[in-house]
Amino acid sequence: MISLLIQTYRSQLSMLAVGLLLGCFFTSWFNAGELALAKGDNETLKAEHSEQVAQAASAALKRIVTANERADSLQVALDTTEQRLTTSKLEKQHEIKRSTTGNACLNSATVRLLNDEVARAKVATLPTPASKPIKADAAIATDTDVASWINDTKAQYEVCRARLDTLIDWESPITSLENTHD
């Protein structure tokens, strides 16, 4: 009876061992299949991500190239405008010297008022007069000096305006730049 019991246990143990081995085999086979699917999915995701990164980099490069081209174009236009304004100022300065008489235009009190140190402290640079600089206690300012100051001031204003217009143009949105964000 004991031997029958031992044989039963052996057969049950053998069946248990076979079942365990088959379970391990099928589990590893199933896991291997799942792992292969996961690796395939991972490769697909990596490829998609690489493509998205490449597209984003390409779009960013296009935006940078467009912005640089635009900046270069605006700088050339600004340089051309400043050169034109400088030429115009010099031509006018030449005509001022030719057309003014050098007669007294402003009396000494007005010159002192205009040359006041408080006023100078507020202005970074004063335009260079056509003749020698007028001292604070100068008797007069000539019509040439006044016309030269006006010419310098107008030229400085126009250069400032051109620079601000260029800055405004740079800050204005561009359709082509906005479309490359998509």
Protein backbone atom coordinates (compact mmCIF):
# COMPACT_ATOMS: atom_id res chain seq x y z
CA MET A 1 0.00 0.00 0.00
CA ILE A 2 2.83 2.31 0.73
CA SER A 3 4.32 1.52 -2.60
CA LEU A 4 1.03 2.41 -4.27
CA LEU A 5 0.98 5.63 -2.32
CA ILE A 6 4.53 6.37 -3.36
CA GLN A 7 3.68 5.64 -7.00
CA THR A 8 0.69 7.93 -6.82
CA TYR A 9 2.79 10.67 -5.32
CA ARG A 10 5.43 10.11 -7.96
CA SER A 11 2.93 10.31 -10.78
CA GLN A 12 1.36 13.39 -9.23
CA LEU A 13 4.80 14.89 -8.70
CA SER A 14 5.71 14.06 -12.29
CA MET A 15 2.51 15.65 -13.55
CA LEU A 16 3.14 18.67 -11.37
CA ALA A 17 6.67 18.97 -12.75
CA VAL A 18 5.44 18.60 -16.34
CA GLY A 19 2.71 21.17 -15.69
CA LEU A 20 5.25 23.53 -14.15
CA LEU A 21 7.60 23.12 -17.09
CA LEU A 22 4.79 23.60 -19.59
CA GLY A 23 3.57 26.66 -17.67
CA CYS A 24 7.06 28.17 -17.68
CA PHE A 25 7.46 27.39 -21.38
CA PHE A 26 4.14 28.92 -22.41
CA THR A 27 4.65 31.92 -20.12
CA SER A 28 8.11 32.63 -21.53
CA TRP A 29 6.79 32.09 -25.06
CA PHE A 30 3.91 34.52 -24.39
CA ASN A 31 6.25 37.05 -22.71
CA ALA A 32 8.70 36.81 -25.62
CA GLY A 33 5.88 37.61 -28.02
CA GLU A 34 4.72 40.55 -25.90
CA LEU A 35 8.32 41.79 -25.62
CA ALA A 36 8.72 41.62 -29.39
CA LEU A 37 5.51 43.62 -29.84
CA ALA A 38 6.63 46.16 -27.25
CA LYS A 39 10.04 46.51 -28.95
CA GLY A 40 8.30 47.03 -32.28
CA ASP A 41 6.00 49.65 -30.77
CA ASN A 42 9.00 51.31 -29.13
CA GLU A 43 10.87 51.47 -32.45
CA THR A 44 7.81 52.95 -34.13
CA LEU A 45 7.49 55.58 -31.39
CA LYS A 46 11.20 56.40 -31.67
CA ALA A 47 10.90 56.82 -35.43
CA GLU A 48 7.82 59.05 -35.06
CA HIS A 49 9.54 61.13 -32.39
CA SER A 50 12.65 61.51 -34.53
CA GLU A 51 10.50 62.69 -37.43
CA GLN A 52 8.69 65.21 -35.23
CA VAL A 53 11.99 66.54 -33.87
CA ALA A 54 13.37 66.86 -37.41
CA GLN A 55 10.24 68.73 -38.56
CA ALA A 56 10.39 71.07 -35.56
CA ALA A 57 14.07 71.77 -36.16
CA SER A 58 13.42 72.43 -39.84
CA ALA A 59 10.57 74.82 -39.03
CA ALA A 60 12.71 76.63 -36.46
CA LEU A 61 15.55 76.95 -38.96
CA LYS A 62 13.15 78.39 -41.54
CA ARG A 63 11.89 80.95 -39.00
CA ILE A 64 15.47 81.93 -38.11
CA VAL A 65 16.49 82.27 -41.77
CA THR A 66 13.37 84.34 -42.51
CA ALA A 67 13.99 86.57 -39.48
CA ASN A 68 17.64 87.07 -40.44
CA GLU A 69 16.71 87.92 -44.02
CA ARG A 70 14.12 90.37 -42.74
CA ALA A 71 16.58 91.94 -40.31
CA ASP A 72 19.17 92.29 -43.08
CA SER A 73 16.61 93.87 -45.37
CA LEU A 74 15.47 96.34 -42.71
CA GLN A 75 19.11 97.20 -41.83
CA VAL A 76 19.96 97.87 -45.49
CA ALA A 77 16.88 100.09 -45.82
CA LEU A 78 17.80 101.95 -42.61
CA ASP A 79 21.42 102.42 -43.72
CA THR A 80 20.24 103.74 -47.08
CA THR A 81 17.84 106.15 -45.38
CA GLU A 82 20.50 107.38 -42.93
CA GLN A 83 22.97 107.90 -45.79
CA ARG A 84 20.36 109.83 -47.76
CA LEU A 85 19.56 111.98 -44.72
CA THR A 86 23.24 112.67 -44.04
CA THR A 87 23.78 113.70 -47.66
CA SER A 88 20.72 115.93 -47.53
CA LYS A 89 21.93 117.53 -44.29
CA LEU A 90 25.37 118.26 -45.76
CA GLU A 91 23.85 119.71 -48.92
CA LYS A 92 21.56 121.94 -46.86
CA GLN A 93 24.48 122.98 -44.64
CA HIS A 94 26.41 124.03 -47.73
CA GLU A 95 23.41 126.00 -48.98
CA ILE A 96 22.93 127.60 -45.54
CA LYS A 97 26.49 128.90 -45.57
CA ARG A 98 25.95 130.20 -49.09
CA SER A 99 22.54 131.76 -48.51
CA THR A 100 22.90 133.28 -45.02
CA THR A 101 24.52 136.63 -44.39
CA GLY A 102 25.98 136.12 -40.94
CA ASN A 103 23.90 139.01 -39.59
CA ALA A 104 22.84 139.10 -35.97
CA CYS A 105 19.73 137.03 -35.41
CA LEU A 106 19.50 136.48 -31.63
CA ASN A 107 20.55 139.00 -29.02
CA SER A 108 22.87 138.20 -26.11
CA ALA A 109 20.05 137.51 -23.62
CA THR A 110 18.52 134.93 -25.93
CA VAL A 111 21.90 133.32 -26.59
CA ARG A 112 22.57 133.09 -22.82
CA LEU A 113 19.12 131.56 -22.33
CA LEU A 114 19.73 128.99 -25.06
CA ASN A 115 23.22 128.20 -23.75
CA ASP A 116 22.01 127.76 -20.16
CA GLU A 117 23.89 124.93 -18.38
CA VAL A 118 20.64 123.48 -17.02
CA ALA A 119 19.36 123.10 -20.57
CA ARG A 120 22.68 121.53 -21.62
CA ALA A 121 22.49 118.95 -18.85
CA LYS A 122 19.15 117.73 -20.24
CA VAL A 123 20.47 117.44 -23.81
CA ALA A 124 23.18 114.83 -24.37
CA THR A 125 24.83 116.63 -27.29
CA LEU A 126 24.20 119.99 -28.83
CA PRO A 127 24.57 120.43 -32.58
CA THR A 128 27.80 121.98 -33.80
CA PRO A 129 27.29 125.57 -34.91
CA ALA A 130 28.32 126.70 -38.40
CA SER A 131 30.79 129.19 -36.99
CA LYS A 132 32.91 129.01 -33.86
CA PRO A 133 30.99 127.96 -30.72
CA ILE A 134 29.05 130.74 -29.08
CA LYS A 135 29.96 131.37 -25.48
CA ALA A 136 27.33 131.80 -22.79
CA ASP A 137 28.08 135.50 -22.68
CA ALA A 138 28.22 135.93 -26.46
CA ALA A 139 26.65 139.03 -27.88
CA ILE A 140 24.72 137.41 -30.71
CA ALA A 141 23.94 134.30 -32.70
CA THR A 142 24.01 134.78 -36.44
CA ASP A 143 21.37 133.69 -38.89
CA THR A 144 23.90 131.10 -40.10
CA ASP A 145 24.15 129.65 -36.58
CA VAL A 146 20.36 129.47 -36.20
CA ALA A 147 19.84 127.93 -39.63
CA SER A 148 22.61 125.38 -38.93
CA TRP A 149 21.06 124.43 -35.61
CA ILE A 150 17.68 123.99 -37.28
CA ASN A 151 19.24 121.86 -40.02
CA ASP A 152 21.07 119.67 -37.46
CA THR A 153 17.94 119.25 -35.37
CA LYS A 154 15.81 118.32 -38.37
CA ALA A 155 18.43 115.79 -39.53
CA GLN A 156 18.69 114.25 -36.05
CA TYR A 157 14.90 114.02 -35.87
CA GLU A 158 14.65 112.33 -39.27
CA VAL A 159 17.36 109.78 -38.37
CA CYS A 160 15.59 109.04 -35.07
CA ARG A 161 12.27 108.69 -36.88
CA ALA A 162 13.78 106.33 -39.46
CA ARG A 163 15.29 104.18 -36.69
CA LEU A 164 11.98 104.04 -34.81
CA ASP A 165 10.09 103.18 -38.01
CA THR A 166 12.55 100.32 -38.64
CA LEU A 167 12.11 99.09 -35.07
CA ILE A 168 8.33 99.22 -35.48
CA ASP A 169 8.64 97.29 -38.75
CA TRP A 170 10.81 94.68 -37.02
CA GLU A 171 8.33 94.24 -34.17
CA SER A 172 5.32 94.03 -36.52
CA PRO A 173 4.09 90.46 -37.06
CA ILE A 174 4.84 88.83 -40.37
CA THR A 175 2.41 86.36 -41.91
CA SER A 176 5.16 84.13 -43.29
CA LEU A 177 6.78 83.82 -39.86
CA GLU A 178 3.50 82.99 -38.16
CA ASN A 179 2.63 80.34 -40.76
CA THR A 180 5.86 78.42 -40.17
CA HIS A 181 4.81 77.69 -36.57
CA ASP A 182 2.30 75.06 -37.77
